[in-house]
Amino acid sequence: MENIGFYSRADDYFDDNAGGAVERAYEWVENSIVTRPARLNKFQTSLVNGLLESGFDPDNGFTFDHVQGTKIGGSTLNELGIRHGAVELLNNANP
């Protein structure tokens, strides 16, 4: 899923029903345009802490997986804040 820079994988139901190429597709997207945030800013840290204090647990830390609770997902914004959109996947496509 991609929405305003946040990236996460779909739930297991989608994976189980979409066929064998899903895992490779996820890896391709993650290697092409997704980054792991180096650190959270103050707002993000406050949001995560607030969610945990409100009972959105467990704390899953960083993961691309679709899990219940609170997590830190990937980003399509690089460390400079530049967004890398799906159109950039064409740069790594195999025609």
PDB file of N, CA and C in Angstrom:
ATOM      1  N   MET A   1       0.838  -1.174   0.000  1.00  0.00           N
ATOM      2  CA  MET A   1       0.000   0.000   0.000  1.00  0.00           C
ATOM      3  C   MET A   1       0.885   1.239   0.000  1.00  0.00           C
ATOM      4  N   GLU A   2       0.495   2.216  -0.742  1.00  0.00           N
ATOM      5  CA  GLU A   2       1.234   3.468  -0.751  1.00  0.00           C
ATOM      6  C   GLU A   2       0.241   4.599  -0.572  1.00  0.00           C
ATOM      7  N   ASN A   3       0.469   5.444   0.423  1.00  0.00           N
ATOM      8  CA  ASN A   3      -0.439   6.550   0.691  1.00  0.00           C
ATOM      9  C   ASN A   3       0.325   7.640   1.428  1.00  0.00           C
ATOM     10  N   ILE A   4       0.556   8.753   0.780  1.00  0.00           N
ATOM     11  CA  ILE A   4       1.248   9.900   1.362  1.00  0.00           C
ATOM     12  C   ILE A   4       2.599   9.481   1.960  1.00  0.00           C
ATOM     13  N   GLY A   5       3.288   8.627   1.292  1.00  0.00           N
ATOM     14  CA  GLY A   5       4.630   8.262   1.720  1.00  0.00           C
ATOM     15  C   GLY A   5       4.711   7.054   2.627  1.00  0.00           C
ATOM     16  N   PHE A   6       3.595   6.539   3.146  1.00  0.00           N
ATOM     17  CA  PHE A   6       3.644   5.368   4.032  1.00  0.00           C
ATOM     18  C   PHE A   6       3.528   4.109   3.196  1.00  0.00           C
ATOM     19  N   TYR A   7       4.372   3.128   3.501  1.00  0.00           N
ATOM     20  CA  TYR A   7       4.352   1.870   2.759  1.00  0.00           C
ATOM     21  C   TYR A   7       4.218   0.716   3.730  1.00  0.00           C
ATOM     22  N   SER A   8       3.344  -0.213   3.386  1.00  0.00           N
ATOM     23  CA  SER A   8       3.152  -1.424   4.173  1.00  0.00           C
ATOM     24  C   SER A   8       2.668  -2.516   3.235  1.00  0.00           C
ATOM     25  N   ARG A   9       2.934  -3.741   3.578  1.00  0.00           N
ATOM     26  CA  ARG A   9       2.425  -4.862   2.790  1.00  0.00           C
ATOM     27  C   ARG A   9       0.958  -5.124   3.137  1.00  0.00           C
ATOM     28  N   ALA A  10       0.258  -5.826   2.246  1.00  0.00           N
ATOM     29  CA  ALA A  10      -1.139  -6.187   2.487  1.00  0.00           C
ATOM     30  C   ALA A  10      -1.213  -7.312   3.520  1.00  0.00           C
ATOM     31  N   ASP A  11      -2.414  -7.620   3.963  1.00  0.00           N
ATOM     32  CA  ASP A  11      -2.570  -8.688   4.952  1.00  0.00           C
ATOM     33  C   ASP A  11      -2.380 -10.060   4.313  1.00  0.00           C
ATOM     34  N   ASP A  12      -2.289 -11.075   5.144  1.00  0.00           N
ATOM     35  CA  ASP A  12      -2.020 -12.433   4.668  1.00  0.00           C
ATOM     36  C   ASP A  12      -3.104 -12.959   3.739  1.00  0.00           C
ATOM     37  N   TYR A  13      -4.352 -12.561   3.940  1.00  0.00           N
ATOM     38  CA  TYR A  13      -5.437 -13.016   3.072  1.00  0.00           C
ATOM     39  C   TYR A  13      -5.144 -12.641   1.616  1.00  0.00           C
ATOM     40  N   PHE A  14      -4.707 -11.405   1.402  1.00  0.00           N
ATOM     41  CA  PHE A  14      -4.373 -10.972   0.048  1.00  0.00           C
ATOM     42  C   PHE A  14      -3.228 -11.812  -0.508  1.00  0.00           C
ATOM     43  N   ASP A  15      -2.179 -11.978   0.277  1.00  0.00           N
ATOM     44  CA  ASP A  15      -1.030 -12.757  -0.172  1.00  0.00           C
ATOM     45  C   ASP A  15      -1.432 -14.181  -0.531  1.00  0.00           C
ATOM     46  N   ASP A  16      -2.237 -14.797   0.318  1.00  0.00           N
ATOM     47  CA  ASP A  16      -2.625 -16.188   0.114  1.00  0.00           C
ATOM     48  C   ASP A  16      -3.485 -16.374  -1.134  1.00  0.00           C
ATOM     49  N   ASN A  17      -4.205 -15.335  -1.534  1.00  0.00           N
ATOM     50  CA  ASN A  17      -5.135 -15.451  -2.655  1.00  0.00           C
ATOM     51  C   ASN A  17      -4.661 -14.770  -3.936  1.00  0.00           C
ATOM     52  N   ALA A  18      -3.471 -14.209  -3.919  1.00  0.00           N
ATOM     53  CA  ALA A  18      -3.002 -13.465  -5.092  1.00  0.00           C
ATOM     54  C   ALA A  18      -1.999 -14.230  -5.944  1.00  0.00           C
ATOM     55  N   GLY A  19      -1.530 -15.344  -5.493  1.00  0.00           N
ATOM     56  CA  GLY A  19      -0.579 -16.106  -6.289  1.00  0.00           C
ATOM     57  C   GLY A  19       0.852 -15.951  -5.811  1.00  0.00           C
ATOM     58  N   GLY A  20       1.749 -16.727  -6.406  1.00  0.00           N
ATOM     59  CA  GLY A  20       3.126 -16.819  -5.938  1.00  0.00           C
ATOM     60  C   GLY A  20       4.027 -15.637  -6.209  1.00  0.00           C
ATOM     61  N   ALA A  21       3.650 -14.736  -7.069  1.00  0.00           N
ATOM     62  CA  ALA A  21       4.547 -13.636  -7.424  1.00  0.00           C
ATOM     63  C   ALA A  21       4.483 -12.471  -6.441  1.00  0.00           C
ATOM     64  N   VAL A  22       3.602 -12.531  -5.469  1.00  0.00           N
ATOM     65  CA  VAL A  22       3.401 -11.401  -4.567  1.00  0.00           C
ATOM     66  C   VAL A  22       4.663 -11.086  -3.761  1.00  0.00           C
ATOM     67  N   GLU A  23       5.283 -12.084  -3.201  1.00  0.00           N
ATOM     68  CA  GLU A  23       6.482 -11.850  -2.380  1.00  0.00           C
ATOM     69  C   GLU A  23       7.585 -11.188  -3.204  1.00  0.00           C
ATOM     70  N   ARG A  24       7.807 -11.671  -4.408  1.00  0.00           N
ATOM     71  CA  ARG A  24       8.818 -11.067  -5.283  1.00  0.00           C
ATOM     72  C   ARG A  24       8.453  -9.630  -5.630  1.00  0.00           C
ATOM     73  N   ALA A  25       7.159  -9.366  -5.855  1.00  0.00           N
ATOM     74  CA  ALA A  25       6.711  -8.006  -6.175  1.00  0.00           C
ATOM     75  C   ALA A  25       6.955  -7.068  -4.993  1.00  0.00           C
ATOM     76  N   TYR A  26       6.642  -7.521  -3.793  1.00  0.00           N
ATOM     77  CA  TYR A  26       6.910  -6.706  -2.607  1.00  0.00           C
ATOM     78  C   TYR A  26       8.398  -6.362  -2.521  1.00  0.00           C
ATOM     79  N   GLU A  27       9.239  -7.360  -2.676  1.00  0.00           N
ATOM     80  CA  GLU A  27      10.681  -7.141  -2.578  1.00  0.00           C
ATOM     81  C   GLU A  27      11.160  -6.169  -3.658  1.00  0.00           C
ATOM     82  N   TRP A  28      10.611  -6.285  -4.854  1.00  0.00           N
ATOM     83  CA  TRP A  28      10.986  -5.397  -5.955  1.00  0.00           C
ATOM     84  C   TRP A  28      10.624  -3.952  -5.616  1.00  0.00           C
ATOM     85  N   VAL A  29       9.407  -3.722  -5.134  1.00  0.00           N
ATOM     86  CA  VAL A  29       8.981  -2.375  -4.757  1.00  0.00           C
ATOM     87  C   VAL A  29       9.850  -1.848  -3.617  1.00  0.00           C
ATOM     88  N   GLU A  30      10.084  -2.670  -2.613  1.00  0.00           N
ATOM     89  CA  GLU A  30      10.869  -2.245  -1.451  1.00  0.00           C
ATOM     90  C   GLU A  30      12.311  -1.913  -1.833  1.00  0.00           C
ATOM     91  N   ASN A  31      12.872  -2.651  -2.768  1.00  0.00           N
ATOM     92  CA  ASN A  31      14.235  -2.365  -3.216  1.00  0.00           C
ATOM     93  C   ASN A  31      14.301  -1.174  -4.170  1.00  0.00           C
ATOM     94  N   SER A  32      13.166  -0.822  -4.759  1.00  0.00           N
ATOM     95  CA  SER A  32      13.148   0.247  -5.755  1.00  0.00           C
ATOM     96  C   SER A  32      12.843   1.620  -5.183  1.00  0.00           C
ATOM     97  N   ILE A  33      11.793   1.731  -4.364  1.00  0.00           N
ATOM     98  CA  ILE A  33      11.345   3.070  -3.954  1.00  0.00           C
ATOM     99  C   ILE A  33      11.069   3.230  -2.457  1.00  0.00           C
ATOM    100  N   VAL A  34      11.199   2.178  -1.679  1.00  0.00           N
ATOM    101  CA  VAL A  34      10.838   2.254  -0.260  1.00  0.00           C
ATOM    102  C   VAL A  34      12.087   2.371   0.597  1.00  0.00           C
ATOM    103  N   THR A  35      12.014   3.230   1.597  1.00  0.00           N
ATOM    104  CA  THR A  35      13.119   3.359   2.549  1.00  0.00           C
ATOM    105  C   THR A  35      12.627   3.095   3.961  1.00  0.00           C
ATOM    106  N   ARG A  36      13.556   2.695   4.780  1.00  0.00           N
ATOM    107  CA  ARG A  36      13.275   2.539   6.204  1.00  0.00           C
ATOM    108  C   ARG A  36      13.636   3.869   6.865  1.00  0.00           C
ATOM    109  N   PRO A  37      12.699   4.479   7.575  1.00  0.00           N
ATOM    110  CA  PRO A  37      13.014   5.756   8.216  1.00  0.00           C
ATOM    111  C   PRO A  37      14.213   5.623   9.153  1.00  0.00           C
ATOM    112  N   ALA A  38      15.179   6.530   9.017  1.00  0.00           N
ATOM    113  CA  ALA A  38      16.379   6.476   9.857  1.00  0.00           C
ATOM    114  C   ALA A  38      16.030   6.768  11.315  1.00  0.00           C
ATOM    115  N   ARG A  39      15.101   7.692  11.513  1.00  0.00           N
ATOM    116  CA  ARG A  39      14.657   8.029  12.862  1.00  0.00           C
ATOM    117  C   ARG A  39      13.285   8.666  12.750  1.00  0.00           C
ATOM    118  N   LEU A  40      12.568   8.652  13.844  1.00  0.00           N
ATOM    119  CA  LEU A  40      11.258   9.286  13.870  1.00  0.00           C
ATOM    120  C   LEU A  40      11.401  10.723  14.344  1.00  0.00           C
ATOM    121  N   ASN A  41      10.566  11.607  13.790  1.00  0.00           N
ATOM    122  CA  ASN A  41      10.579  12.974  14.296  1.00  0.00           C
ATOM    123  C   ASN A  41       9.736  13.038  15.575  1.00  0.00           C
ATOM    124  N   LYS A  42       9.672  14.203  16.187  1.00  0.00           N
ATOM    125  CA  LYS A  42       8.971  14.344  17.469  1.00  0.00           C
ATOM    126  C   LYS A  42       7.491  14.005  17.349  1.00  0.00           C
ATOM    127  N   PHE A  43       6.859  14.458  16.273  1.00  0.00           N
ATOM    128  CA  PHE A  43       5.442  14.165  16.079  1.00  0.00           C
ATOM    129  C   PHE A  43       5.209  12.660  15.957  1.00  0.00           C
ATOM    130  N   GLN A  44       6.016  11.992  15.142  1.00  0.00           N
ATOM    131  CA  GLN A  44       5.853  10.555  14.944  1.00  0.00           C
ATOM    132  C   GLN A  44       6.080   9.786  16.240  1.00  0.00           C
ATOM    133  N   THR A  45       7.102  10.179  16.999  1.00  0.00           N
ATOM    134  CA  THR A  45       7.377   9.530  18.281  1.00  0.00           C
ATOM    135  C   THR A  45       6.201   9.719  19.229  1.00  0.00           C
ATOM    136  N   SER A  46       5.661  10.926  19.270  1.00  0.00           N
ATOM    137  CA  SER A  46       4.509  11.203  20.135  1.00  0.00           C
ATOM    138  C   SER A  46       3.296  10.388  19.703  1.00  0.00           C
ATOM    139  N   LEU A  47       3.077  10.278  18.401  1.00  0.00           N
ATOM    140  CA  LEU A  47       1.954   9.502  17.894  1.00  0.00           C
ATOM    141  C   LEU A  47       2.080   8.031  18.279  1.00  0.00           C
ATOM    142  N   VAL A  48       3.249   7.446  18.068  1.00  0.00           N
ATOM    143  CA  VAL A  48       3.469   6.039  18.420  1.00  0.00           C
ATOM    144  C   VAL A  48       3.247   5.844  19.922  1.00  0.00           C
ATOM    145  N   ASN A  49       3.823   6.706  20.730  1.00  0.00           N
ATOM    146  CA  ASN A  49       3.659   6.582  22.182  1.00  0.00           C
ATOM    147  C   ASN A  49       2.197   6.725  22.592  1.00  0.00           C
ATOM    148  N   GLY A  50       1.484   7.669  21.965  1.00  0.00           N
ATOM    149  CA  GLY A  50       0.067   7.851  22.263  1.00  0.00           C
ATOM    150  C   GLY A  50      -0.764   6.633  21.888  1.00  0.00           C
ATOM    151  N   LEU A  51      -0.464   6.048  20.740  1.00  0.00           N
ATOM    152  CA  LEU A  51      -1.181   4.837  20.328  1.00  0.00           C
ATOM    153  C   LEU A  51      -0.944   3.694  21.310  1.00  0.00           C
ATOM    154  N   LEU A  52       0.301   3.536  21.725  1.00  0.00           N
ATOM    155  CA  LEU A  52       0.619   2.465  22.672  1.00  0.00           C
ATOM    156  C   LEU A  52      -0.065   2.695  24.022  1.00  0.00           C
ATOM    157  N   GLU A  53      -0.046   3.936  24.497  1.00  0.00           N
ATOM    158  CA  GLU A  53      -0.703   4.251  25.766  1.00  0.00           C
ATOM    159  C   GLU A  53      -2.212   4.063  25.678  1.00  0.00           C
ATOM    160  N   SER A  54      -2.778   4.188  24.472  1.00  0.00           N
ATOM    161  CA  SER A  54      -4.219   4.025  24.267  1.00  0.00           C
ATOM    162  C   SER A  54      -4.622   2.567  24.073  1.00  0.00           C
ATOM    163  N   GLY A  55      -3.659   1.668  24.078  1.00  0.00           N
ATOM    164  CA  GLY A  55      -3.974   0.250  23.970  1.00  0.00           C
ATOM    165  C   GLY A  55      -3.802  -0.360  22.596  1.00  0.00           C
ATOM    166  N   PHE A  56      -3.245   0.393  21.647  1.00  0.00           N
ATOM    167  CA  PHE A  56      -2.964  -0.187  20.327  1.00  0.00           C
ATOM    168  C   PHE A  56      -1.647  -0.951  20.414  1.00  0.00           C
ATOM    169  N   ASP A  57      -1.720  -2.133  20.970  1.00  0.00           N
ATOM    170  CA  ASP A  57      -0.514  -2.930  21.128  1.00  0.00           C
ATOM    171  C   ASP A  57      -0.708  -4.272  20.449  1.00  0.00           C
ATOM    172  N   PRO A  58       0.345  -5.001  20.197  1.00  0.00           N
ATOM    173  CA  PRO A  58       1.702  -4.797  20.700  1.00  0.00           C
ATOM    174  C   PRO A  58       2.477  -3.763  19.880  1.00  0.00           C
ATOM    175  N   ASP A  59       3.607  -3.384  20.428  1.00  0.00           N
ATOM    176  CA  ASP A  59       4.542  -2.512  19.718  1.00  0.00           C
ATOM    177  C   ASP A  59       5.374  -3.402  18.804  1.00  0.00           C
ATOM    178  N   ASN A  60       5.121  -3.338  17.513  1.00  0.00           N
ATOM    179  CA  ASN A  60       5.805  -4.204  16.547  1.00  0.00           C
ATOM    180  C   ASN A  60       7.097  -3.612  16.012  1.00  0.00           C
ATOM    181  N   GLY A  61       7.448  -2.384  16.432  1.00  0.00           N
ATOM    182  CA  GLY A  61       8.661  -1.760  15.914  1.00  0.00           C
ATOM    183  C   GLY A  61       8.564  -1.570  14.414  1.00  0.00           C
ATOM    184  N   PHE A  62       9.698  -1.666  13.723  1.00  0.00           N
ATOM    185  CA  PHE A  62       9.706  -1.514  12.272  1.00  0.00           C
ATOM    186  C   PHE A  62       9.350  -2.833  11.599  1.00  0.00           C
ATOM    187  N   THR A  63       8.422  -2.774  10.680  1.00  0.00           N
ATOM    188  CA  THR A  63       8.079  -3.932   9.861  1.00  0.00           C
ATOM    189  C   THR A  63       7.295  -3.475   8.639  1.00  0.00           C
ATOM    190  N   PHE A  64       7.468  -4.177   7.528  1.00  0.00           N
ATOM    191  CA  PHE A  64       6.639  -3.942   6.354  1.00  0.00           C
ATOM    192  C   PHE A  64       5.344  -4.741   6.452  1.00  0.00           C
ATOM    193  N   ASP A  65       5.316  -5.748   7.309  1.00  0.00           N
ATOM    194  CA  ASP A  65       4.184  -6.664   7.390  1.00  0.00           C
ATOM    195  C   ASP A  65       2.933  -5.984   7.929  1.00  0.00           C
ATOM    196  N   HIS A  66       1.783  -6.491   7.488  1.00  0.00           N
ATOM    197  CA  HIS A  66       0.485  -6.021   7.962  1.00  0.00           C
ATOM    198  C   HIS A  66       0.220  -6.752   9.275  1.00  0.00           C
ATOM    199  N   VAL A  67       0.359  -6.048  10.380  1.00  0.00           N
ATOM    200  CA  VAL A  67       0.199  -6.667  11.691  1.00  0.00           C
ATOM    201  C   VAL A  67      -0.732  -5.832  12.550  1.00  0.00           C
ATOM    202  N   GLN A  68      -1.304  -6.476  13.553  1.00  0.00           N
ATOM    203  CA  GLN A  68      -2.159  -5.775  14.488  1.00  0.00           C
ATOM    204  C   GLN A  68      -1.295  -5.075  15.528  1.00  0.00           C
ATOM    205  N   GLY A  69      -1.704  -3.892  15.926  1.00  0.00           N
ATOM    206  CA  GLY A  69      -0.955  -3.140  16.914  1.00  0.00           C
ATOM    207  C   GLY A  69      -0.329  -1.907  16.297  1.00  0.00           C
ATOM    208  N   THR A  70       0.750  -1.460  16.901  1.00  0.00           N
ATOM    209  CA  THR A  70       1.452  -0.268  16.459  1.00  0.00           C
ATOM    210  C   THR A  70       2.737  -0.677  15.768  1.00  0.00           C
ATOM    211  N   LYS A  71       3.058   0.005  14.673  1.00  0.00           N
ATOM    212  CA  LYS A  71       4.279  -0.326  13.954  1.00  0.00           C
ATOM    213  C   LYS A  71       4.838   0.906  13.265  1.00  0.00           C
ATOM    214  N   ILE A  72       6.061   0.795  12.850  1.00  0.00           N
ATOM    215  CA  ILE A  72       6.704   1.790  12.003  1.00  0.00           C
ATOM    216  C   ILE A  72       6.883   1.118  10.657  1.00  0.00           C
ATOM    217  N   GLY A  73       6.264   1.665   9.632  1.00  0.00           N
ATOM    218  CA  GLY A  73       6.333   1.085   8.299  1.00  0.00           C
ATOM    219  C   GLY A  73       7.390   1.772   7.454  1.00  0.00           C
ATOM    220  N   GLY A  74       7.440   1.383   6.211  1.00  0.00           N
ATOM    221  CA  GLY A  74       8.373   1.987   5.277  1.00  0.00           C
ATOM    222  C   GLY A  74       7.846   3.315   4.764  1.00  0.00           C
ATOM    223  N   SER A  75       8.674   3.988   4.019  1.00  0.00           N
ATOM    224  CA  SER A  75       8.300   5.280   3.477  1.00  0.00           C
ATOM    225  C   SER A  75       8.751   5.386   2.028  1.00  0.00           C
ATOM    226  N   THR A  76       7.954   6.078   1.236  1.00  0.00           N
ATOM    227  CA  THR A  76       8.380   6.375  -0.126  1.00  0.00           C
ATOM    228  C   THR A  76       9.035   7.749  -0.184  1.00  0.00           C
ATOM    229  N   LEU A  77       9.275   8.334   0.979  1.00  0.00           N
ATOM    230  CA  LEU A  77      10.044   9.570   1.082  1.00  0.00           C
ATOM    231  C   LEU A  77      11.459   9.184   1.490  1.00  0.00           C
ATOM    232  N   ASN A  78      12.453   9.698   0.791  1.00  0.00           N
ATOM    233  CA  ASN A  78      13.824   9.368   1.172  1.00  0.00           C
ATOM    234  C   ASN A  78      14.265  10.246   2.345  1.00  0.00           C
ATOM    235  N   GLU A  79      15.514  10.108   2.742  1.00  0.00           N
ATOM    236  CA  GLU A  79      16.031  10.844   3.904  1.00  0.00           C
ATOM    237  C   GLU A  79      16.030  12.357   3.716  1.00  0.00           C
ATOM    238  N   LEU A  80      15.907  12.824   2.476  1.00  0.00           N
ATOM    239  CA  LEU A  80      15.828  14.257   2.191  1.00  0.00           C
ATOM    240  C   LEU A  80      14.384  14.741   2.062  1.00  0.00           C
ATOM    241  N   GLY A  81      13.425  13.826   2.227  1.00  0.00           N
ATOM    242  CA  GLY A  81      12.020  14.194   2.111  1.00  0.00           C
ATOM    243  C   GLY A  81      11.501  14.181   0.697  1.00  0.00           C
ATOM    244  N   ILE A  82      12.279  13.657  -0.230  1.00  0.00           N
ATOM    245  CA  ILE A  82      11.855  13.577  -1.634  1.00  0.00           C
ATOM    246  C   ILE A  82      11.038  12.304  -1.832  1.00  0.00           C
ATOM    247  N   ARG A  83       9.839  12.478  -2.377  1.00  0.00           N
ATOM    248  CA  ARG A  83       8.935  11.348  -2.575  1.00  0.00           C
ATOM    249  C   ARG A  83       9.317  10.580  -3.829  1.00  0.00           C
ATOM    250  N   HIS A  84       9.306   9.263  -3.697  1.00  0.00           N
ATOM    251  CA  HIS A  84       9.563   8.375  -4.829  1.00  0.00           C
ATOM    252  C   HIS A  84       8.264   7.640  -5.138  1.00  0.00           C
ATOM    253  N   GLY A  85       7.636   8.014  -6.244  1.00  0.00           N
ATOM    254  CA  GLY A  85       6.339   7.472  -6.609  1.00  0.00           C
ATOM    255  C   GLY A  85       6.426   6.179  -7.380  1.00  0.00           C
ATOM    256  N   ALA A  86       5.267   5.584  -7.577  1.00  0.00           N
ATOM    257  CA  ALA A  86       5.180   4.307  -8.279  1.00  0.00           C
ATOM    258  C   ALA A  86       5.706   4.406  -9.710  1.00  0.00           C
ATOM    259  N   VAL A  87       5.642   5.587 -10.319  1.00  0.00           N
ATOM    260  CA  VAL A  87       6.154   5.745 -11.679  1.00  0.00           C
ATOM    261  C   VAL A  87       7.641   5.382 -11.744  1.00  0.00           C
ATOM    262  N   GLU A  88       8.351   5.560 -10.657  1.00  0.00           N
ATOM    263  CA  GLU A  88       9.787   5.230 -10.642  1.00  0.00           C
ATOM    264  C   GLU A  88      10.046   3.725 -10.702  1.00  0.00           C
ATOM    265  N   LEU A  89       9.024   2.921 -10.491  1.00  0.00           N
ATOM    266  CA  LEU A  89       9.210   1.485 -10.618  1.00  0.00           C
ATOM    267  C   LEU A  89       9.569   1.107 -12.051  1.00  0.00           C
ATOM    268  N   LEU A  90       9.183   1.957 -13.005  1.00  0.00           N
ATOM    269  CA  LEU A  90       9.529   1.691 -14.406  1.00  0.00           C
ATOM    270  C   LEU A  90      11.022   1.673 -14.624  1.00  0.00           C
ATOM    271  N   ASN A  91      11.766   2.407 -13.787  1.00  0.00           N
ATOM    272  CA  ASN A  91      13.227   2.416 -13.914  1.00  0.00           C
ATOM    273  C   ASN A  91      13.826   1.035 -13.665  1.00  0.00           C
ATOM    274  N   ASN A  92      13.149   0.218 -12.880  1.00  0.00           N
ATOM    275  CA  ASN A  92      13.659  -1.123 -12.556  1.00  0.00           C
ATOM    276  C   ASN A  92      12.854  -2.232 -13.219  1.00  0.00           C
ATOM    277  N   ALA A  93      11.980  -1.878 -14.131  1.00  0.00           N
ATOM    278  CA  ALA A  93      11.133  -2.879 -14.779  1.00  0.00           C
ATOM    279  C   ALA A  93      11.917  -3.745 -15.748  1.00  0.00           C
ATOM    280  N   ASN A  94      11.445  -4.944 -15.917  1.00  0.00           N
ATOM    281  CA  ASN A  94      12.036  -5.873 -16.882  1.00  0.00           C
ATOM    282  C   ASN A  94      11.073  -5.963 -18.065  1.00  0.00           C
ATOM    283  N   PRO A  95      11.387  -5.271 -19.149  1.00  0.00           N
ATOM    284  CA  PRO A  95      10.434  -5.233 -20.276  1.00  0.00           C
ATOM    285  C   PRO A  95      10.238  -6.605 -20.881  1.00  0.00           C
TER     286      PRO A  95
END
